[in-house]
Amino acid sequence: MSEHPLTTPLTGPPGNSVDGGLSTVEVRWILPGPLDAAIAGWYRRFPAWTESREDAYLIHPVLRGLSVKLRAGRELEVKSCHGCPGILDAAGRARGEVSSGIQTWWSLGFEATGPAGLLRSMLQRTATLVFAQALPADVEFDMSHCQSYADWLSRRDSPAAG
């Protein structure tokens, strides 16, 4: 069974955030290497666009449960994790384009924004639709790749990361 921890970041207290108090739930996988042709073909069945931007994350000091970034050099975004509302089960398909220095990575993420009571079911339905078609044989979205960008960056930058 494929499972993924969901995170519930809020952009601020209800009624005081830029988003008007809406909550979000998200899950993301970050994998090493360039996006290969097989996974690019898997993605092509959905109408999409390519997005490229440079975000700057605060990674020192490490602020567990808090993500601070400057989005595209223009918008300050702060997310606070208010716990894990459960596990995303994508029916055996998954569990749990980035560059850092000279290394290339790619990611897949789902995020639902809206009334808190509907977020989990919206995210689950989206994941079920996306993962209805089997992934290419050599691609696996497991717990070892499931993390936020801020966590991924802080782990890569830590002395233990080597």
N, C-alpha and C. Protein backbone atom coordinates (compact mmCIF):
# COMPACT_ATOMS: atom_id res chain seq x y z
N MET A 1 0.84 -1.17 0.00
CA MET A 1 0.00 0.00 0.00
C MET A 1 0.89 1.23 0.00
N SER A 2 0.53 2.22 -0.78
CA SER A 2 1.30 3.45 -0.84
C SER A 2 0.73 4.45 0.12
N GLU A 3 1.60 5.04 0.92
CA GLU A 3 1.14 6.02 1.88
C GLU A 3 2.09 7.20 1.91
N HIS A 4 1.55 8.37 2.21
CA HIS A 4 2.33 9.60 2.23
C HIS A 4 1.86 10.46 3.37
N PRO A 5 2.78 11.04 4.14
CA PRO A 5 2.32 11.95 5.18
C PRO A 5 1.86 13.25 4.55
N LEU A 6 0.74 13.73 4.98
CA LEU A 6 0.24 15.03 4.52
C LEU A 6 0.65 16.06 5.55
N THR A 7 0.96 17.24 5.10
CA THR A 7 1.23 18.33 6.03
C THR A 7 0.13 19.36 5.90
N THR A 8 -0.12 20.05 6.97
CA THR A 8 -1.16 21.07 6.98
C THR A 8 -0.55 22.41 7.33
N PRO A 9 0.04 23.10 6.34
CA PRO A 9 0.58 24.41 6.63
C PRO A 9 -0.51 25.48 6.54
N LEU A 10 -0.44 26.45 7.40
CA LEU A 10 -1.34 27.59 7.32
C LEU A 10 -0.50 28.82 7.04
N THR A 11 -1.03 29.72 6.24
CA THR A 11 -0.28 30.92 5.92
C THR A 11 -0.44 31.97 7.01
N GLY A 12 -1.23 31.74 7.99
CA GLY A 12 -1.42 32.67 9.09
C GLY A 12 -2.70 32.34 9.82
N PRO A 13 -2.97 33.02 10.91
CA PRO A 13 -4.20 32.77 11.64
C PRO A 13 -5.42 33.04 10.76
N PRO A 14 -6.49 32.25 10.89
CA PRO A 14 -7.69 32.51 10.09
C PRO A 14 -8.12 33.96 10.21
N GLY A 15 -8.43 34.54 9.07
CA GLY A 15 -8.88 35.93 9.03
C GLY A 15 -7.76 36.93 8.93
N ASN A 16 -6.52 36.53 9.21
CA ASN A 16 -5.42 37.48 9.18
C ASN A 16 -4.39 37.18 8.10
N SER A 17 -4.59 36.12 7.35
CA SER A 17 -3.59 35.76 6.35
C SER A 17 -3.88 36.44 5.02
N VAL A 18 -2.88 36.44 4.18
CA VAL A 18 -3.02 37.02 2.85
C VAL A 18 -4.07 36.26 2.06
N ASP A 19 -4.18 34.94 2.29
CA ASP A 19 -5.14 34.11 1.56
C ASP A 19 -6.54 34.20 2.15
N GLY A 20 -6.79 35.07 3.08
CA GLY A 20 -8.10 35.21 3.67
C GLY A 20 -8.44 34.10 4.65
N GLY A 21 -7.44 33.49 5.26
CA GLY A 21 -7.68 32.49 6.27
C GLY A 21 -7.88 31.09 5.74
N LEU A 22 -7.59 30.83 4.48
CA LEU A 22 -7.74 29.49 3.93
C LEU A 22 -6.58 28.60 4.35
N SER A 23 -6.88 27.38 4.66
CA SER A 23 -5.86 26.39 5.02
C SER A 23 -5.39 25.66 3.77
N THR A 24 -4.25 25.01 3.89
CA THR A 24 -3.76 24.16 2.81
C THR A 24 -3.30 22.84 3.39
N VAL A 25 -3.38 21.80 2.58
CA VAL A 25 -2.81 20.50 2.88
C VAL A 25 -1.98 20.12 1.67
N GLU A 26 -0.78 19.61 1.90
CA GLU A 26 0.06 19.27 0.76
C GLU A 26 0.94 18.07 1.03
N VAL A 27 1.39 17.47 -0.06
CA VAL A 27 2.33 16.37 -0.03
C VAL A 27 3.25 16.56 -1.23
N ARG A 28 4.55 16.29 -1.05
CA ARG A 28 5.52 16.50 -2.14
C ARG A 28 6.60 15.43 -2.09
N TRP A 29 7.00 15.00 -3.27
CA TRP A 29 8.14 14.09 -3.42
C TRP A 29 9.21 14.81 -4.22
N ILE A 30 10.47 14.68 -3.81
CA ILE A 30 11.59 15.30 -4.51
C ILE A 30 12.57 14.18 -4.83
N LEU A 31 12.84 14.01 -6.12
CA LEU A 31 13.68 12.90 -6.58
C LEU A 31 14.92 13.40 -7.30
N PRO A 32 16.03 12.68 -7.14
CA PRO A 32 17.29 13.10 -7.78
C PRO A 32 17.30 12.82 -9.27
N GLY A 33 18.10 13.61 -9.98
CA GLY A 33 18.31 13.40 -11.41
C GLY A 33 17.35 14.22 -12.24
N PRO A 34 17.58 14.27 -13.55
CA PRO A 34 16.67 15.00 -14.43
C PRO A 34 15.38 14.20 -14.64
N LEU A 35 14.33 14.87 -15.03
CA LEU A 35 13.07 14.23 -15.35
C LEU A 35 13.27 13.43 -16.63
N ASP A 36 13.11 12.10 -16.57
CA ASP A 36 13.37 11.29 -17.77
C ASP A 36 12.14 11.23 -18.67
N ALA A 37 12.33 10.70 -19.88
CA ALA A 37 11.28 10.68 -20.89
C ALA A 37 10.07 9.87 -20.45
N ALA A 38 10.28 8.78 -19.72
CA ALA A 38 9.16 7.93 -19.31
C ALA A 38 8.22 8.67 -18.36
N ILE A 39 8.77 9.37 -17.38
CA ILE A 39 7.91 10.09 -16.45
C ILE A 39 7.32 11.34 -17.10
N ALA A 40 8.06 11.97 -18.00
CA ALA A 40 7.52 13.12 -18.74
C ALA A 40 6.31 12.67 -19.57
N GLY A 41 6.38 11.49 -20.17
CA GLY A 41 5.26 10.95 -20.93
C GLY A 41 4.07 10.67 -20.03
N TRP A 42 4.33 10.19 -18.83
CA TRP A 42 3.28 9.90 -17.86
C TRP A 42 2.54 11.19 -17.48
N TYR A 43 3.30 12.29 -17.34
CA TYR A 43 2.72 13.60 -17.00
C TYR A 43 1.89 14.18 -18.15
N ARG A 44 2.26 13.90 -19.39
CA ARG A 44 1.65 14.57 -20.55
C ARG A 44 0.15 14.37 -20.69
N ARG A 45 -0.43 13.40 -20.03
CA ARG A 45 -1.87 13.17 -20.18
C ARG A 45 -2.70 14.23 -19.50
N PHE A 46 -2.07 15.10 -18.73
CA PHE A 46 -2.78 16.18 -18.05
C PHE A 46 -2.40 17.52 -18.69
N PRO A 47 -3.40 18.40 -18.91
CA PRO A 47 -3.06 19.74 -19.39
C PRO A 47 -2.17 20.40 -18.34
N ALA A 48 -1.09 20.95 -18.76
CA ALA A 48 -0.15 21.51 -17.80
C ALA A 48 0.65 22.64 -18.43
N TRP A 49 1.44 23.26 -17.60
CA TRP A 49 2.35 24.29 -18.05
C TRP A 49 3.66 24.06 -17.32
N THR A 50 4.70 24.62 -17.87
CA THR A 50 6.00 24.53 -17.22
C THR A 50 6.22 25.79 -16.41
N GLU A 51 6.65 25.61 -15.20
CA GLU A 51 6.90 26.75 -14.33
C GLU A 51 8.37 26.73 -13.94
N SER A 52 9.00 27.86 -14.06
CA SER A 52 10.38 27.98 -13.63
C SER A 52 10.51 29.29 -12.86
N ARG A 53 11.01 29.19 -11.65
CA ARG A 53 11.25 30.39 -10.85
C ARG A 53 12.31 30.05 -9.82
N GLU A 54 12.90 31.05 -9.26
CA GLU A 54 13.89 30.84 -8.21
C GLU A 54 13.32 31.35 -6.91
N ASP A 55 13.16 30.43 -5.96
CA ASP A 55 12.70 30.77 -4.62
C ASP A 55 13.88 30.69 -3.67
N ALA A 56 13.95 31.60 -2.72
CA ALA A 56 15.02 31.59 -1.72
C ALA A 56 14.41 31.20 -0.38
N TYR A 57 14.91 30.11 0.21
CA TYR A 57 14.41 29.60 1.48
C TYR A 57 15.37 29.96 2.61
N LEU A 58 14.80 30.27 3.76
CA LEU A 58 15.59 30.44 4.98
C LEU A 58 15.84 29.05 5.54
N ILE A 59 17.10 28.62 5.57
CA ILE A 59 17.40 27.29 6.10
C ILE A 59 18.27 27.34 7.34
N HIS A 60 18.83 28.51 7.67
CA HIS A 60 19.59 28.68 8.91
C HIS A 60 19.06 29.91 9.62
N PRO A 61 18.66 29.83 10.83
CA PRO A 61 18.64 28.62 11.65
C PRO A 61 17.52 27.69 11.19
N VAL A 62 17.64 26.40 11.54
CA VAL A 62 16.60 25.43 11.22
C VAL A 62 15.39 25.74 12.09
N LEU A 63 14.27 25.95 11.45
CA LEU A 63 13.03 26.28 12.15
C LEU A 63 12.05 25.14 11.91
N ARG A 64 12.12 24.08 12.72
CA ARG A 64 11.26 22.91 12.53
C ARG A 64 9.79 23.32 12.52
N GLY A 65 9.09 22.88 11.50
CA GLY A 65 7.67 23.17 11.39
C GLY A 65 7.36 24.53 10.80
N LEU A 66 8.39 25.25 10.38
CA LEU A 66 8.18 26.58 9.81
C LEU A 66 8.98 26.69 8.52
N SER A 67 8.34 27.18 7.49
CA SER A 67 8.98 27.37 6.20
C SER A 67 8.87 28.84 5.83
N VAL A 68 10.02 29.46 5.57
CA VAL A 68 10.06 30.87 5.20
C VAL A 68 10.77 30.97 3.86
N LYS A 69 10.11 31.61 2.89
CA LYS A 69 10.76 31.75 1.58
C LYS A 69 10.38 33.07 0.92
N LEU A 70 11.25 33.47 0.01
CA LEU A 70 10.99 34.61 -0.86
C LEU A 70 10.68 34.02 -2.22
N ARG A 71 9.43 34.10 -2.66
CA ARG A 71 8.96 33.49 -3.89
C ARG A 71 9.28 34.40 -5.08
N ALA A 72 10.12 33.87 -5.97
CA ALA A 72 10.48 34.58 -7.20
C ALA A 72 11.00 35.99 -6.94
N GLY A 73 11.63 36.19 -5.77
CA GLY A 73 12.21 37.49 -5.46
C GLY A 73 11.20 38.58 -5.17
N ARG A 74 9.89 38.21 -5.06
CA ARG A 74 8.86 39.24 -4.90
C ARG A 74 7.97 39.08 -3.69
N GLU A 75 7.61 37.86 -3.33
CA GLU A 75 6.62 37.65 -2.28
C GLU A 75 7.23 36.87 -1.12
N LEU A 76 7.02 37.36 0.08
CA LEU A 76 7.45 36.64 1.27
C LEU A 76 6.34 35.67 1.63
N GLU A 77 6.70 34.41 1.82
CA GLU A 77 5.73 33.38 2.17
C GLU A 77 6.20 32.65 3.42
N VAL A 78 5.33 32.57 4.41
CA VAL A 78 5.63 31.85 5.64
C VAL A 78 4.54 30.81 5.85
N LYS A 79 4.97 29.56 6.04
CA LYS A 79 4.02 28.48 6.31
C LYS A 79 4.41 27.83 7.62
N SER A 80 3.41 27.59 8.43
CA SER A 80 3.63 26.92 9.70
C SER A 80 2.89 25.59 9.66
N CYS A 81 3.60 24.51 9.94
CA CYS A 81 2.99 23.19 9.92
C CYS A 81 2.23 22.97 11.22
N HIS A 82 0.97 22.68 11.09
CA HIS A 82 0.11 22.46 12.26
C HIS A 82 -0.24 20.99 12.41
N GLY A 83 0.68 20.12 12.03
CA GLY A 83 0.48 18.69 12.23
C GLY A 83 0.23 17.94 10.94
N CYS A 84 0.14 16.65 11.09
CA CYS A 84 -0.08 15.74 9.98
C CYS A 84 -1.49 15.20 10.09
N PRO A 85 -2.37 15.53 9.14
CA PRO A 85 -3.75 15.07 9.23
C PRO A 85 -3.94 13.63 8.77
N GLY A 86 -2.86 12.91 8.50
CA GLY A 86 -3.02 11.51 8.12
C GLY A 86 -2.09 11.11 7.01
N ILE A 87 -2.44 10.03 6.38
CA ILE A 87 -1.63 9.43 5.32
C ILE A 87 -2.41 9.46 4.02
N LEU A 88 -1.75 9.83 2.94
CA LEU A 88 -2.35 9.80 1.61
C LEU A 88 -2.11 8.41 1.03
N ASP A 89 -3.17 7.73 0.68
CA ASP A 89 -3.06 6.40 0.08
C ASP A 89 -3.43 6.54 -1.38
N ALA A 90 -2.46 6.30 -2.24
CA ALA A 90 -2.67 6.45 -3.68
C ALA A 90 -2.75 5.11 -4.38
N ALA A 91 -3.47 4.18 -3.82
CA ALA A 91 -3.80 2.90 -4.44
C ALA A 91 -2.60 2.18 -5.05
N GLY A 92 -1.53 2.04 -4.28
CA GLY A 92 -0.39 1.30 -4.74
C GLY A 92 0.48 2.01 -5.76
N ARG A 93 0.22 3.28 -6.02
CA ARG A 93 0.96 4.01 -7.06
C ARG A 93 2.07 4.90 -6.50
N ALA A 94 1.93 5.34 -5.26
CA ALA A 94 2.91 6.29 -4.75
C ALA A 94 2.96 6.23 -3.23
N ARG A 95 4.05 6.66 -2.67
CA ARG A 95 4.22 6.78 -1.22
C ARG A 95 4.90 8.08 -0.86
N GLY A 96 4.03 8.57 0.54
CA GLY A 96 4.59 9.71 1.22
C GLY A 96 3.97 11.02 0.83
N GLU A 97 10.88 20.43 -11.31
CA GLU A 97 12.24 20.48 -11.84
C GLU A 97 13.01 21.48 -11.02
N VAL A 98 13.82 20.68 -10.03
CA VAL A 98 14.51 21.41 -8.99
C VAL A 98 16.01 21.30 -9.26
N SER A 99 16.77 22.35 -8.93
CA SER A 99 18.23 22.22 -8.95
C SER A 99 18.78 22.81 -7.67
N SER A 100 19.84 22.18 -7.20
CA SER A 100 20.51 22.64 -5.99
C SER A 100 21.99 22.55 -6.28
N GLY A 101 22.62 23.71 -6.39
CA GLY A 101 24.02 23.71 -6.80
C GLY A 101 24.12 23.22 -8.23
N ILE A 102 24.95 22.20 -8.45
CA ILE A 102 25.10 21.66 -9.81
C ILE A 102 24.25 20.43 -10.04
N GLN A 103 23.52 19.99 -9.02
CA GLN A 103 22.69 18.80 -9.15
C GLN A 103 21.28 19.17 -9.61
N THR A 104 20.68 18.27 -10.38
CA THR A 104 19.31 18.46 -10.86
C THR A 104 18.40 17.50 -10.13
N TRP A 105 17.23 17.97 -9.76
CA TRP A 105 16.21 17.19 -9.08
C TRP A 105 14.88 17.52 -9.72
N TRP A 106 13.88 16.71 -9.51
CA TRP A 106 12.53 17.03 -9.96
C TRP A 106 11.55 16.65 -8.86
N SER A 107 10.36 17.24 -8.93
CA SER A 107 9.40 16.98 -7.86
C SER A 107 7.99 16.82 -8.40
N LEU A 108 7.18 16.17 -7.59
CA LEU A 108 5.75 16.06 -7.83
C LEU A 108 5.09 16.43 -6.51
N GLY A 109 4.15 17.33 -6.56
CA GLY A 109 3.47 17.74 -5.34
C GLY A 109 2.00 17.96 -5.59
N PHE A 110 1.22 17.77 -4.55
CA PHE A 110 -0.20 18.07 -4.56
C PHE A 110 -0.46 19.03 -3.42
N GLU A 111 -1.30 20.02 -3.68
CA GLU A 111 -1.69 20.96 -2.63
C GLU A 111 -3.16 21.29 -2.82
N ALA A 112 -3.91 21.23 -1.75
CA ALA A 112 -5.31 21.62 -1.76
C ALA A 112 -5.46 22.83 -0.84
N THR A 113 -6.19 23.83 -1.31
CA THR A 113 -6.42 25.05 -0.55
C THR A 113 -7.92 25.32 -0.48
N GLY A 114 -8.40 25.67 0.69
CA GLY A 114 -9.82 25.95 0.84
C GLY A 114 -10.28 25.70 2.26
N PRO A 115 -11.58 25.45 2.43
CA PRO A 115 -12.10 25.18 3.77
C PRO A 115 -11.46 23.92 4.35
N ALA A 116 -11.01 24.00 5.59
CA ALA A 116 -10.24 22.93 6.22
C ALA A 116 -10.94 21.58 6.16
N GLY A 117 -12.25 21.53 6.29
CA GLY A 117 -12.97 20.27 6.32
C GLY A 117 -12.98 19.52 5.00
N LEU A 118 -12.65 20.18 3.90
CA LEU A 118 -12.69 19.55 2.58
C LEU A 118 -11.31 19.20 2.03
N LEU A 119 -10.25 19.67 2.66
CA LEU A 119 -8.91 19.57 2.08
C LEU A 119 -8.45 18.13 1.86
N ARG A 120 -8.56 17.31 2.87
CA ARG A 120 -8.06 15.93 2.76
C ARG A 120 -8.76 15.19 1.63
N SER A 121 -10.08 15.30 1.55
CA SER A 121 -10.80 14.58 0.50
C SER A 121 -10.47 15.13 -0.89
N MET A 122 -10.27 16.45 -1.02
CA MET A 122 -9.87 17.02 -2.31
C MET A 122 -8.52 16.49 -2.75
N LEU A 123 -7.57 16.46 -1.82
CA LEU A 123 -6.24 15.97 -2.15
C LEU A 123 -6.26 14.48 -2.49
N GLN A 124 -7.03 13.71 -1.75
CA GLN A 124 -7.13 12.27 -2.01
C GLN A 124 -7.74 12.00 -3.39
N ARG A 125 -8.80 12.74 -3.74
CA ARG A 125 -9.43 12.54 -5.06
C ARG A 125 -8.47 12.91 -6.18
N THR A 126 -7.72 13.98 -6.01
CA THR A 126 -6.76 14.39 -7.04
C THR A 126 -5.68 13.33 -7.21
N ALA A 127 -5.12 12.86 -6.10
CA ALA A 127 -4.08 11.83 -6.17
C ALA A 127 -4.61 10.55 -6.81
N THR A 128 -5.83 10.17 -6.49
CA THR A 128 -6.43 8.97 -7.09
C THR A 128 -6.52 9.12 -8.60
N LEU A 129 -6.92 10.29 -9.08
CA LEU A 129 -7.01 10.54 -10.52
C LEU A 129 -5.62 10.49 -11.17
N VAL A 130 -4.66 11.19 -10.58
CA VAL A 130 -3.31 11.25 -11.16
C VAL A 130 -2.66 9.87 -11.20
N PHE A 131 -2.81 9.10 -10.12
CA PHE A 131 -2.16 7.81 -10.04
C PHE A 131 -3.00 6.66 -10.59
N ALA A 132 -4.13 6.97 -11.27
CA ALA A 132 -4.95 5.91 -11.88
C ALA A 132 -4.17 5.16 -12.95
N GLN A 133 -3.26 5.86 -13.62
CA GLN A 133 -2.39 5.21 -14.61
C GLN A 133 -1.08 4.85 -13.92
N ALA A 134 -0.63 3.62 -14.14
CA ALA A 134 0.60 3.14 -13.51
C ALA A 134 1.78 4.03 -13.87
N LEU A 135 2.68 4.18 -12.92
CA LEU A 135 3.93 4.92 -13.14
C LEU A 135 4.88 4.08 -13.99
N PRO A 136 5.83 4.72 -14.68
CA PRO A 136 6.88 3.94 -15.34
C PRO A 136 7.57 3.03 -14.33
N ALA A 137 8.05 1.90 -14.80
CA ALA A 137 8.57 0.84 -13.92
C ALA A 137 9.66 1.30 -12.95
N ASP A 138 10.52 2.20 -13.35
CA ASP A 138 11.65 2.57 -12.49
C ASP A 138 11.39 3.77 -11.59
N VAL A 139 10.15 4.26 -11.54
CA VAL A 139 9.82 5.44 -10.73
C VAL A 139 9.01 5.00 -9.52
N GLU A 140 9.41 5.47 -8.35
CA GLU A 140 8.70 5.15 -7.13
C GLU A 140 8.62 6.38 -6.25
N PHE A 141 7.42 6.75 -5.88
CA PHE A 141 7.21 7.85 -4.94
C PHE A 141 7.02 7.23 -3.57
N ASP A 142 8.10 7.16 -2.78
CA ASP A 142 8.01 6.53 -1.48
C ASP A 142 8.32 7.53 -0.38
N MET A 143 8.28 7.06 0.86
CA MET A 143 8.48 7.94 2.00
C MET A 143 9.86 8.59 2.02
N SER A 144 10.86 7.93 1.46
CA SER A 144 12.20 8.51 1.48
C SER A 144 12.31 9.76 0.61
N HIS A 145 11.39 9.96 -0.32
CA HIS A 145 11.40 11.13 -1.19
C HIS A 145 10.34 12.15 -0.81
N CYS A 146 9.56 11.87 0.22
CA CYS A 146 8.42 12.71 0.60
C CYS A 146 8.85 13.72 1.66
N GLN A 147 8.87 15.01 1.27
CA GLN A 147 9.31 16.07 2.19
C GLN A 147 9.00 17.43 1.59
N SER A 148 9.06 18.44 2.41
CA SER A 148 8.88 19.81 1.92
C SER A 148 10.19 20.30 1.31
N TYR A 149 10.11 21.35 0.51
CA TYR A 149 11.33 21.94 -0.04
C TYR A 149 12.26 22.42 1.07
N ALA A 150 11.68 23.06 2.09
CA ALA A 150 12.52 23.58 3.18
C ALA A 150 13.24 22.45 3.90
N ASP A 151 12.55 21.34 4.18
CA ASP A 151 13.21 20.19 4.82
C ASP A 151 14.29 19.61 3.92
N TRP A 152 13.97 19.48 2.64
CA TRP A 152 14.94 18.93 1.67
C TRP A 152 16.20 19.80 1.62
N LEU A 153 16.02 21.10 1.55
CA LEU A 153 17.17 22.00 1.50
C LEU A 153 18.00 21.95 2.78
N SER A 154 17.33 21.93 3.93
CA SER A 154 18.08 21.92 5.18
C SER A 154 18.84 20.61 5.36
N ARG A 155 18.28 19.50 4.90
CA ARG A 155 19.00 18.21 4.98
C ARG A 155 20.19 18.18 4.05
N ARG A 156 20.06 18.77 2.87
CA ARG A 156 21.16 18.78 1.90
C ARG A 156 22.28 19.69 2.36
N ASP A 157 21.92 20.70 3.14
CA ASP A 157 22.91 21.70 3.58
C ASP A 157 23.56 21.34 4.92
N SER A 158 23.04 20.31 5.60
CA SER A 158 23.57 19.97 6.92
C SER A 158 24.89 19.20 6.78
N PRO A 159 25.78 19.29 7.79
CA PRO A 159 27.04 18.55 7.73
C PRO A 159 26.84 17.05 7.62
N ALA A 160 25.76 16.52 8.21
CA ALA A 160 25.49 15.08 8.13
C ALA A 160 25.13 14.65 6.72
N ALA A 161 24.69 15.60 5.87
CA ALA A 161 24.31 15.25 4.50
C ALA A 161 25.51 14.91 3.65
N GLY A 162 26.69 15.24 4.12
CA GLY A 162 27.93 14.88 3.46
C GLY A 162 28.22 15.70 2.28
